[in-house]
Amino acid sequence: MVRIAVDLNRCQGYAQCAFLAPEIFTMHGEEALLYDPEAAEAQRAKLAQAAAACPVQAILVDAVDVPAEAVSGAR
């Protein structure tokens, strides 16, 4: 899982993220950004492109570490 955070105070609604990763980011009206804060690992490349393309660098993309117990089922 990949965690996404957008600084909505910094976001200016350029919509580059919505263009590059429409599965995650959508514009609501002309200035309001809607996004899924937790995306699948398969979306990482698109998210990295969207974050890099943001003119005001408002997007932070971070991996979420899954505990070993959750992966292996061990306790």
C-alpha atoms as a PDB file:
ATOM      1  CA  MET A   1       0.000   0.000   0.000  1.00  0.00           C
ATOM      2  CA  VAL A   2       1.140   3.533  -0.745  1.00  0.00           C
ATOM      3  CA  ARG A   3       0.023   6.462   1.391  1.00  0.00           C
ATOM      4  CA  ILE A   4      -0.636   9.807  -0.296  1.00  0.00           C
ATOM      5  CA  ALA A   5      -0.907  13.201   1.326  1.00  0.00           C
ATOM      6  CA  VAL A   6      -1.749  16.417  -0.482  1.00  0.00           C
ATOM      7  CA  ASP A   7      -1.174  19.822   1.087  1.00  0.00           C
ATOM      8  CA  LEU A   8      -4.491  21.331   0.049  1.00  0.00           C
ATOM      9  CA  ASN A   9      -3.352  24.774   1.223  1.00  0.00           C
ATOM     10  CA  ARG A  10      -0.504  24.595  -1.264  1.00  0.00           C
ATOM     11  CA  CYS A  11      -2.471  22.955  -4.123  1.00  0.00           C
ATOM     12  CA  GLN A  12      -3.430  25.495  -6.785  1.00  0.00           C
ATOM     13  CA  GLY A  13      -5.625  23.215  -8.900  1.00  0.00           C
ATOM     14  CA  TYR A  14      -3.288  22.819 -11.879  1.00  0.00           C
ATOM     15  CA  ALA A  15      -4.641  19.235 -12.194  1.00  0.00           C
ATOM     16  CA  GLN A  16      -1.406  17.691 -13.443  1.00  0.00           C
ATOM     17  CA  CYS A  17      -1.927  14.876 -10.937  1.00  0.00           C
ATOM     18  CA  ALA A  18      -5.446  14.200 -12.233  1.00  0.00           C
ATOM     19  CA  PHE A  19      -4.099  14.039 -15.778  1.00  0.00           C
ATOM     20  CA  LEU A  20      -1.271  11.623 -14.904  1.00  0.00           C
ATOM     21  CA  ALA A  21      -3.060   9.439 -12.331  1.00  0.00           C
ATOM     22  CA  PRO A  22      -6.833   9.747 -12.882  1.00  0.00           C
ATOM     23  CA  GLU A  23      -7.470   6.555 -10.904  1.00  0.00           C
ATOM     24  CA  ILE A  24      -6.256   8.350  -7.766  1.00  0.00           C
ATOM     25  CA  PHE A  25      -6.785  12.090  -8.309  1.00  0.00           C
ATOM     26  CA  THR A  26      -9.868  13.878  -9.646  1.00  0.00           C
ATOM     27  CA  MET A  27     -10.845  17.499  -9.804  1.00  0.00           C
ATOM     28  CA  HIS A  28     -14.192  18.503  -8.349  1.00  0.00           C
ATOM     29  CA  GLY A  29     -15.037  21.766 -10.027  1.00  0.00           C
ATOM     30  CA  GLU A  30     -12.145  23.959 -11.074  1.00  0.00           C
ATOM     31  CA  GLU A  31     -10.150  24.055  -7.852  1.00  0.00           C
ATOM     32  CA  ALA A  32     -11.144  21.236  -5.474  1.00  0.00           C
ATOM     33  CA  LEU A  33      -8.966  18.121  -5.574  1.00  0.00           C
ATOM     34  CA  LEU A  34     -10.335  14.752  -4.496  1.00  0.00           C
ATOM     35  CA  TYR A  35      -7.977  11.831  -4.001  1.00  0.00           C
ATOM     36  CA  ASP A  36      -7.677   8.373  -2.471  1.00  0.00           C
ATOM     37  CA  PRO A  37      -5.154   8.646   0.406  1.00  0.00           C
ATOM     38  CA  GLU A  38      -4.250   4.950   0.174  1.00  0.00           C
ATOM     39  CA  ALA A  39      -3.380   3.515  -3.215  1.00  0.00           C
ATOM     40  CA  ALA A  40      -2.247   0.113  -4.384  1.00  0.00           C
ATOM     41  CA  GLU A  41       1.468  -0.520  -4.807  1.00  0.00           C
ATOM     42  CA  ALA A  42       0.813  -1.036  -8.530  1.00  0.00           C
ATOM     43  CA  GLN A  43       0.022   2.687  -8.781  1.00  0.00           C
ATOM     44  CA  ARG A  44       3.434   3.754  -7.401  1.00  0.00           C
ATOM     45  CA  ALA A  45       4.944   4.753 -10.774  1.00  0.00           C
ATOM     46  CA  LYS A  46       1.952   6.892 -11.729  1.00  0.00           C
ATOM     47  CA  LEU A  47       1.907   8.478  -8.284  1.00  0.00           C
ATOM     48  CA  ALA A  48       5.593   9.328  -8.506  1.00  0.00           C
ATOM     49  CA  GLN A  49       5.007  10.972 -11.899  1.00  0.00           C
ATOM     50  CA  ALA A  50       2.031  12.910 -10.556  1.00  0.00           C
ATOM     51  CA  ALA A  51       3.980  14.114  -7.512  1.00  0.00           C
ATOM     52  CA  ALA A  52       6.940  15.162  -9.671  1.00  0.00           C
ATOM     53  CA  ALA A  53       4.663  17.014 -12.104  1.00  0.00           C
ATOM     54  CA  CYS A  54       2.953  19.077  -9.393  1.00  0.00           C
ATOM     55  CA  PRO A  55       4.132  22.675 -10.007  1.00  0.00           C
ATOM     56  CA  VAL A  56       3.845  23.557  -6.307  1.00  0.00           C
ATOM     57  CA  GLN A  57       5.069  20.172  -4.944  1.00  0.00           C
ATOM     58  CA  ALA A  58       1.892  19.651  -2.901  1.00  0.00           C
ATOM     59  CA  ILE A  59       1.878  15.821  -3.160  1.00  0.00           C
ATOM     60  CA  LEU A  60       3.750  13.494  -0.818  1.00  0.00           C
ATOM     61  CA  VAL A  61       3.912   9.788  -1.704  1.00  0.00           C
ATOM     62  CA  ASP A  62       5.105   7.376   0.979  1.00  0.00           C
ATOM     63  CA  ALA A  63       5.211   3.594   1.258  1.00  0.00           C
ATOM     64  CA  VAL A  64       3.430   1.941   4.144  1.00  0.00           C
ATOM     65  CA  ASP A  65       5.328  -0.908   5.755  1.00  0.00           C
ATOM     66  CA  VAL A  66       3.165  -3.968   6.312  1.00  0.00           C
ATOM     67  CA  PRO A  67       4.014  -5.810   9.559  1.00  0.00           C
ATOM     68  CA  ALA A  68       5.596  -9.223   9.024  1.00  0.00           C
ATOM     69  CA  GLU A  69       2.748 -10.854  10.971  1.00  0.00           C
ATOM     70  CA  ALA A  70       0.230  -9.572   8.435  1.00  0.00           C
ATOM     71  CA  VAL A  71       2.198 -11.002   5.537  1.00  0.00           C
ATOM     72  CA  SER A  72       3.171 -14.385   6.970  1.00  0.00           C
ATOM     73  CA  GLY A  73       0.235 -14.913   9.307  1.00  0.00           C
ATOM     74  CA  ALA A  74       2.727 -15.560  12.154  1.00  0.00           C
ATOM     75  CA  ARG A  75       2.109 -14.344  15.693  1.00  0.00           C
END
